Amino acid sequence: MAGGIVGLQMGAFSVVLQTLLSGKTDLPFTTFLLMMQPIHLAIGIVEGFVTAGVIHYVRAVRPEILDSPASPAPLAAGIPLRNVLVGFAALAILIGGALSWFASSHPDGLEWSIRKVTGTREMPEQDHGIPAALKRVQEKTSFLPGYGFKPPAGEPGAKEESASRPDVDAGTSVSGLIGGVLVLIVAFAVGWVIRAFRRNRSA
């Protein structure tokens, strides 16, 4: 719970700080900060509950995974680890590939904060300088802009949001699945680094 809450608070503060240092927009620092922190506190509490639920499940079925992550001993008997991993993979595919169709069309925490400060959903954009140049590069290279496939040439670039749910869209599913795979890769990479660090310290 604490990890989810503190992580979201630090992330929200970093966005406000980076916005200030970038000079891209004239959003007032204090006002923007006072909008970002409370909304991400609420989001952090929800994410903390979800994280705690996952950890509680793992501790219930295979507690040795959490209690002795650096131990070379084999895992104890119980629900096979393969079944646990397959279950998590199936949930990730279901959530990223199908439940993403039910995602809310309302603004997220950042968009909500910007709207409260400026009255619009997005920050004012610059038509010159580094931000504008990077945006042009992103528009040309982005594979899944706006969590969807890039429209064919000549068609509007922004995907129209459907008021009804589910908003079935293959691009949304692919975005969710790729996002899940990337998170899995990062999680394994972090775990490998931590394990290697512990081995070096104990050697």
Protein backbone atom coordinates (compact mmCIF):
# COMPACT_ATOMS: atom_id res chain seq x y z
CA MET A 1 0.00 0.00 0.00
CA ALA A 2 2.73 2.44 1.01
CA GLY A 3 4.72 1.63 -2.11
CA GLY A 4 1.78 2.36 -4.40
CA ILE A 5 0.88 5.62 -2.66
CA VAL A 6 4.44 6.95 -2.35
CA GLY A 7 5.29 5.91 -5.91
CA LEU A 8 2.31 7.78 -7.38
CA GLN A 9 3.00 10.85 -5.26
CA MET A 10 6.65 10.96 -6.34
CA GLY A 11 5.67 10.43 -9.97
CA ALA A 12 3.09 13.22 -9.86
CA PHE A 13 5.57 15.60 -8.24
CA SER A 14 8.18 14.72 -10.86
CA VAL A 15 5.77 15.57 -13.68
CA VAL A 16 5.09 18.98 -12.15
CA LEU A 17 8.80 19.60 -11.61
CA GLN A 18 9.73 18.48 -15.14
CA THR A 19 7.00 20.69 -16.57
CA LEU A 20 8.44 23.66 -14.71
CA LEU A 21 12.04 22.94 -15.76
CA SER A 22 11.12 22.27 -19.39
CA GLY A 23 9.82 25.79 -19.91
CA LYS A 24 7.29 24.31 -22.35
CA THR A 25 4.29 25.83 -20.62
CA ASP A 26 3.51 28.59 -18.15
CA LEU A 27 1.46 26.43 -15.79
CA PRO A 28 1.81 27.88 -12.26
CA PHE A 29 3.93 25.47 -10.23
CA THR A 30 2.02 25.68 -6.92
CA THR A 31 -1.44 25.46 -8.47
CA PHE A 32 -0.45 22.57 -10.73
CA LEU A 33 1.13 20.77 -7.76
CA LEU A 34 -1.98 21.21 -5.60
CA MET A 35 -4.08 19.64 -8.36
CA MET A 36 -1.71 16.75 -9.15
CA GLN A 37 -0.96 15.46 -5.66
CA PRO A 38 -4.51 14.84 -4.29
CA ILE A 39 -5.84 13.11 -7.42
CA HIS A 40 -2.78 10.85 -7.59
CA LEU A 41 -3.12 10.14 -3.87
CA ALA A 42 -6.54 8.62 -4.61
CA ILE A 43 -5.14 6.70 -7.59
CA GLY A 44 -2.21 5.50 -5.46
CA ILE A 45 -4.56 4.13 -2.79
CA VAL A 46 -6.48 2.11 -5.39
CA GLU A 47 -3.26 0.81 -6.98
CA GLY A 48 -1.95 0.02 -3.51
CA PHE A 49 -4.99 -2.17 -2.81
CA VAL A 50 -4.52 -3.97 -6.14
CA THR A 51 -0.83 -4.56 -5.44
CA ALA A 52 -1.57 -5.76 -1.91
CA GLY A 53 -4.16 -8.17 -3.32
CA VAL A 54 -1.68 -9.69 -5.75
CA ILE A 55 0.96 -10.06 -3.03
CA HIS A 56 -1.60 -11.61 -0.69
CA TYR A 57 -2.50 -14.17 -3.38
CA VAL A 58 1.14 -15.09 -4.01
CA ARG A 59 1.79 -15.37 -0.27
CA ALA A 60 -1.23 -17.65 0.09
CA VAL A 61 -0.29 -20.07 -2.70
CA ARG A 62 3.54 -19.90 -2.81
CA PRO A 63 4.83 -17.94 0.22
CA GLU A 64 8.44 -19.02 -0.35
CA ILE A 65 8.55 -16.87 -3.50
CA LEU A 66 8.27 -13.76 -1.31
CA ASP A 67 9.92 -15.00 1.88
CA SER A 68 13.18 -16.24 0.40
CA PRO A 69 13.72 -14.70 -3.06
CA ALA A 70 17.51 -15.08 -2.84
CA SER A 71 17.49 -18.65 -1.59
CA PRO A 72 18.88 -21.29 -3.99
CA ALA A 73 16.67 -23.95 -2.38
CA PRO A 74 13.91 -25.46 -4.52
CA LEU A 75 10.39 -24.16 -4.07
CA ALA A 76 8.18 -25.97 -1.59
CA ALA A 77 5.37 -28.24 -2.66
CA GLY A 78 1.99 -26.68 -3.29
CA ILE A 79 0.33 -25.10 -6.29
CA PRO A 80 2.86 -25.57 -9.11
CA LEU A 81 4.75 -22.39 -9.93
CA ARG A 82 3.92 -22.96 -13.59
CA ASN A 83 0.21 -22.77 -12.78
CA VAL A 84 0.70 -19.52 -10.88
CA LEU A 85 2.62 -17.96 -13.78
CA VAL A 86 0.09 -19.20 -16.33
CA GLY A 87 -2.69 -17.70 -14.22
CA PHE A 88 -0.98 -14.31 -14.09
CA ALA A 89 -0.29 -14.45 -17.85
CA ALA A 90 -3.94 -15.27 -18.58
CA LEU A 91 -5.12 -12.38 -16.41
CA ALA A 92 -2.69 -10.01 -18.13
CA ILE A 93 -3.96 -11.09 -21.56
CA LEU A 94 -7.60 -10.75 -20.45
CA ILE A 95 -7.09 -7.31 -18.91
CA GLY A 96 -4.83 -5.89 -21.63
CA GLY A 97 -6.57 -7.51 -24.58
CA ALA A 98 -10.27 -7.31 -23.65
CA LEU A 99 -10.99 -5.36 -20.46
CA SER A 100 -9.10 -2.41 -21.97
CA TRP A 101 -12.17 -1.95 -24.19
CA PHE A 102 -14.04 -0.83 -21.06
CA ALA A 103 -11.46 1.82 -20.13
CA SER A 104 -13.03 5.09 -19.06
CA SER A 105 -13.11 7.93 -21.55
CA HIS A 106 -12.86 10.45 -18.70
CA PRO A 107 -9.58 12.36 -18.21
CA ASP A 108 -6.79 10.63 -16.29
CA GLY A 109 -5.07 12.25 -13.30
CA LEU A 110 -2.75 14.42 -15.40
CA GLU A 111 -5.45 15.53 -17.84
CA TRP A 112 -7.81 16.27 -14.94
CA SER A 113 -5.17 18.44 -13.26
CA ILE A 114 -4.38 20.34 -16.46
CA ARG A 115 -8.08 20.96 -17.07
CA LYS A 116 -8.50 22.32 -13.55
CA VAL A 117 -5.60 24.73 -14.05
CA THR A 118 -6.05 25.80 -17.68
CA GLY A 119 -9.63 24.85 -18.56
CA THR A 120 -8.43 22.55 -21.37
CA ARG A 121 -7.51 18.86 -21.39
CA GLU A 122 -4.00 19.28 -22.80
CA MET A 123 -1.15 21.70 -22.27
CA PRO A 124 -0.71 24.52 -24.78
CA GLU A 125 1.64 23.35 -27.52
CA GLN A 126 4.57 25.20 -29.01
CA ASP A 127 4.87 25.49 -32.78
CA HIS A 128 8.63 25.99 -32.76
CA GLY A 129 11.76 24.81 -30.98
CA ILE A 130 12.69 21.39 -29.60
CA PRO A 131 9.19 20.38 -28.34
CA ALA A 132 7.64 20.96 -31.77
CA ALA A 133 10.47 19.08 -33.51
CA LEU A 134 10.15 16.12 -31.16
CA LYS A 135 6.40 16.04 -31.66
CA ARG A 136 6.87 15.81 -35.43
CA VAL A 137 9.29 12.93 -34.96
CA GLN A 138 6.82 11.18 -32.66
CA GLU A 139 3.96 11.60 -35.14
CA LYS A 140 6.06 9.97 -37.87
CA THR A 141 7.47 7.09 -35.80
CA SER A 142 4.73 6.24 -33.30
CA PHE A 143 3.36 2.74 -33.91
CA LEU A 144 0.32 3.00 -31.63
CA PRO A 145 -0.57 6.69 -31.24
CA GLY A 146 -3.34 7.22 -28.73
CA TYR A 147 -3.39 3.48 -27.86
CA GLY A 148 -4.51 2.54 -31.37
CA PHE A 149 -3.19 1.78 -34.84
CA LYS A 150 -2.06 4.71 -36.94
CA PRO A 151 -4.85 5.63 -39.40
CA PRO A 152 -4.16 5.43 -43.15
CA ALA A 153 -2.83 8.52 -44.88
CA GLY A 154 -5.53 11.08 -45.54
CA GLU A 155 -7.73 10.04 -42.62
CA PRO A 156 -8.02 12.03 -39.38
CA GLY A 157 -5.18 11.27 -37.00
CA ALA A 158 -7.11 11.29 -33.74
CA LYS A 159 -9.29 8.34 -32.92
CA GLU A 160 -12.84 9.29 -32.03
CA GLU A 161 -13.81 8.10 -28.57
CA SER A 162 -16.92 5.96 -28.42
CA ALA A 163 -19.51 6.88 -25.81
CA SER A 164 -20.62 3.25 -25.53
CA ARG A 165 -18.72 0.45 -23.85
CA PRO A 166 -17.15 -1.88 -24.75
CA ASP A 167 -15.26 0.11 -27.37
CA VAL A 168 -13.93 -2.91 -29.26
CA ASP A 169 -10.72 -1.98 -31.07
CA ALA A 170 -7.81 -4.17 -32.17
CA GLY A 171 -5.34 -1.32 -31.68
CA THR A 172 -6.42 -0.94 -28.06
CA SER A 173 -5.92 -4.67 -27.49
CA VAL A 174 -2.47 -4.68 -29.08
CA SER A 175 -1.49 -1.63 -27.01
CA GLY A 176 -2.62 -3.37 -23.82
CA LEU A 177 -0.78 -6.59 -24.66
CA ILE A 178 2.45 -4.82 -25.64
CA GLY A 179 2.26 -2.73 -22.48
CA GLY A 180 1.87 -5.89 -20.39
CA VAL A 181 4.85 -7.55 -22.10
CA LEU A 182 7.02 -4.47 -21.56
CA VAL A 183 6.09 -4.34 -17.87
CA LEU A 184 6.94 -8.05 -17.57
CA ILE A 185 10.32 -7.53 -19.23
CA VAL A 186 11.15 -4.62 -16.93
CA ALA A 187 10.05 -6.61 -13.86
CA PHE A 188 12.25 -9.56 -14.82
CA ALA A 189 15.17 -7.22 -15.57
CA VAL A 190 14.86 -5.51 -12.19
CA GLY A 191 14.62 -8.87 -10.46
CA TRP A 192 17.70 -10.15 -12.28
CA VAL A 193 19.69 -7.04 -11.31
CA ILE A 194 18.66 -7.36 -7.65
CA ARG A 195 19.52 -11.06 -7.61
CA ALA A 196 22.91 -10.41 -9.22
CA PHE A 197 23.62 -7.64 -6.72
CA ARG A 198 22.80 -9.90 -3.77
CA ARG A 199 25.01 -12.66 -5.12
CA ASN A 200 27.92 -10.25 -5.52
CA ARG A 201 27.48 -9.01 -1.94
CA SER A 202 27.36 -12.53 -0.52
CA ALA A 203 30.36 -13.72 -2.57
